[in-house]
């Protein structure tokens, strides 16, 4: 990673883009997990792993 020696405005936008990219990645990961969790096969595995009452 290079050190940014630009103007404060350039550094601000660089940080903003980085934060937005991390938020976008987090949102995509959350949606992927939500889709995976609602998969019927995963629900079947979850039922098997639950202790019997």
N, C-alpha and C. Protein backbone atom coordinates (compact mmCIF):
# COMPACT_ATOMS: atom_id res chain seq x y z
N UNK A 1 0.85 -1.18 0.00
CA UNK A 1 0.00 0.00 0.00
C UNK A 1 0.89 1.23 0.00
N UNK A 2 0.59 2.17 -0.87
CA UNK A 2 1.43 3.36 -0.93
C UNK A 2 0.90 4.42 0.01
N UNK A 3 1.79 5.26 0.47
CA UNK A 3 1.37 6.37 1.31
C UNK A 3 0.88 7.49 0.41
N UNK A 4 -0.28 8.01 0.71
CA UNK A 4 -0.87 9.07 -0.10
C UNK A 4 -0.36 10.41 0.42
N UNK A 5 0.37 11.12 -0.44
CA UNK A 5 0.89 12.43 -0.04
C UNK A 5 0.11 13.55 -0.71
N UNK A 6 -1.12 13.26 -1.11
CA UNK A 6 -1.93 14.26 -1.81
C UNK A 6 -2.50 15.30 -0.86
N UNK A 7 -3.37 16.08 -1.41
CA UNK A 7 -4.01 17.14 -0.63
C UNK A 7 -4.99 16.52 0.37
N UNK A 8 -5.36 17.27 1.38
CA UNK A 8 -6.35 16.73 2.33
C UNK A 8 -7.66 16.32 1.66
N UNK A 9 -8.06 17.05 0.62
CA UNK A 9 -9.29 16.69 -0.09
C UNK A 9 -9.14 15.34 -0.79
N UNK A 10 -7.99 15.12 -1.39
CA UNK A 10 -7.73 13.84 -2.05
C UNK A 10 -7.73 12.71 -1.04
N UNK A 11 -7.10 12.93 0.11
CA UNK A 11 -7.08 11.90 1.15
C UNK A 11 -8.48 11.64 1.68
N UNK A 12 -9.29 12.69 1.80
CA UNK A 12 -10.67 12.52 2.27
C UNK A 12 -11.46 11.63 1.31
N UNK A 13 -11.37 11.91 0.01
CA UNK A 13 -12.11 11.11 -0.96
C UNK A 13 -11.57 9.69 -1.03
N UNK A 14 -10.27 9.52 -0.86
CA UNK A 14 -9.70 8.18 -0.83
C UNK A 14 -10.25 7.39 0.36
N UNK A 15 -10.31 8.03 1.52
CA UNK A 15 -10.86 7.36 2.70
C UNK A 15 -12.35 7.07 2.50
N UNK A 16 -13.07 8.00 1.89
CA UNK A 16 -14.49 7.81 1.65
C UNK A 16 -14.74 6.62 0.72
N UNK A 17 -13.96 6.52 -0.34
CA UNK A 17 -14.10 5.40 -1.27
C UNK A 17 -13.78 4.09 -0.56
N UNK A 18 -12.76 4.08 0.29
CA UNK A 18 -12.41 2.87 1.03
C UNK A 18 -13.54 2.45 1.95
N UNK A 19 -14.12 3.40 2.66
CA UNK A 19 -15.22 3.09 3.58
C UNK A 19 -16.43 2.58 2.81
N UNK A 20 -16.74 3.21 1.68
CA UNK A 20 -17.88 2.75 0.88
C UNK A 20 -17.65 1.35 0.33
N UNK A 21 -16.41 1.05 -0.07
CA UNK A 21 -16.10 -0.29 -0.56
C UNK A 21 -16.27 -1.33 0.55
N UNK A 22 -15.82 -1.01 1.75
CA UNK A 22 -15.99 -1.94 2.87
C UNK A 22 -17.47 -2.14 3.21
N UNK A 23 -18.24 -1.07 3.17
CA UNK A 23 -19.68 -1.20 3.42
C UNK A 23 -20.36 -2.05 2.34
N UNK A 24 -19.97 -1.84 1.09
CA UNK A 24 -20.55 -2.64 0.00
C UNK A 24 -20.19 -4.11 0.17
N UNK A 25 -18.94 -4.39 0.53
CA UNK A 25 -18.53 -5.78 0.75
C UNK A 25 -19.31 -6.40 1.90
N UNK A 26 -19.48 -5.65 2.98
CA UNK A 26 -20.23 -6.16 4.13
C UNK A 26 -21.68 -6.44 3.77
N UNK A 27 -22.28 -5.55 2.98
CA UNK A 27 -23.67 -5.75 2.58
C UNK A 27 -23.82 -6.99 1.71
N UNK A 28 -22.91 -7.17 0.75
CA UNK A 28 -22.97 -8.34 -0.12
C UNK A 28 -22.76 -9.62 0.69
N UNK A 29 -21.82 -9.60 1.63
CA UNK A 29 -21.58 -10.78 2.47
C UNK A 29 -22.80 -11.09 3.32
N UNK A 30 -23.43 -10.05 3.87
CA UNK A 30 -24.63 -10.26 4.69
C UNK A 30 -25.76 -10.85 3.87
N UNK A 31 -25.97 -10.33 2.66
CA UNK A 31 -27.04 -10.86 1.81
C UNK A 31 -26.74 -12.29 1.39
N UNK A 32 -25.47 -12.59 1.10
CA UNK A 32 -25.11 -13.96 0.72
C UNK A 32 -25.37 -14.91 1.89
N UNK A 33 -25.03 -14.49 3.10
CA UNK A 33 -25.28 -15.33 4.27
C UNK A 33 -26.78 -15.52 4.48
N UNK A 34 -27.56 -14.46 4.26
CA UNK A 34 -29.01 -14.55 4.43
C UNK A 34 -29.61 -15.52 3.42
N UNK A 35 -29.14 -15.47 2.18
CA UNK A 35 -29.63 -16.39 1.15
C UNK A 35 -29.21 -17.82 1.49
N UNK A 36 -27.97 -17.99 1.94
CA UNK A 36 -27.48 -19.33 2.30
C UNK A 36 -28.28 -19.89 3.47
N UNK A 37 -28.58 -19.05 4.46
CA UNK A 37 -29.28 -19.51 5.65
C UNK A 37 -30.71 -19.92 5.33
N UNK A 38 -31.32 -19.29 4.33
CA UNK A 38 -32.71 -19.62 3.98
C UNK A 38 -32.80 -20.78 2.99
N UNK A 39 -31.67 -21.37 2.63
CA UNK A 39 -31.66 -22.52 1.73
C UNK A 39 -32.31 -23.72 2.43
N UNK A 40 -33.23 -24.42 1.78
CA UNK A 40 -33.88 -25.57 2.43
C UNK A 40 -32.89 -26.65 2.88
N UNK A 41 -31.82 -26.86 2.14
CA UNK A 41 -30.84 -27.86 2.54
C UNK A 41 -30.18 -27.47 3.85
N UNK A 42 -29.89 -26.19 4.02
CA UNK A 42 -29.27 -25.72 5.26
C UNK A 42 -30.25 -25.87 6.41
N UNK A 43 -31.53 -25.61 6.16
CA UNK A 43 -32.53 -25.78 7.21
C UNK A 43 -32.63 -27.24 7.62
N UNK A 44 -32.50 -28.15 6.67
CA UNK A 44 -32.52 -29.58 7.01
C UNK A 44 -31.34 -29.97 7.87
N UNK A 45 -30.16 -29.44 7.56
CA UNK A 45 -28.97 -29.71 8.38
C UNK A 45 -29.16 -29.13 9.77
N UNK A 46 -29.74 -27.95 9.83
CA UNK A 46 -29.98 -27.30 11.12
C UNK A 46 -30.92 -28.15 11.97
N UNK A 47 -31.95 -28.73 11.35
CA UNK A 47 -32.88 -29.59 12.08
C UNK A 47 -32.18 -30.85 12.60
N UNK A 48 -31.28 -31.40 11.81
CA UNK A 48 -30.55 -32.60 12.23
C UNK A 48 -29.65 -32.28 13.42
N UNK A 49 -29.01 -31.11 13.39
CA UNK A 49 -28.07 -30.76 14.45
C UNK A 49 -28.74 -30.32 15.74
N UNK A 50 -30.03 -29.99 15.70
CA UNK A 50 -30.73 -29.58 16.91
C UNK A 50 -30.89 -30.79 17.84
N UNK A 51 -30.66 -30.59 19.13
CA UNK A 51 -30.87 -31.72 20.06
C UNK A 51 -32.35 -32.08 20.12
N UNK A 52 -32.60 -33.37 20.21
CA UNK A 52 -33.98 -33.84 20.27
C UNK A 52 -34.56 -33.52 21.65
N UNK A 53 -35.79 -33.06 21.65
CA UNK A 53 -36.45 -32.69 22.91
C UNK A 53 -37.13 -33.91 23.52
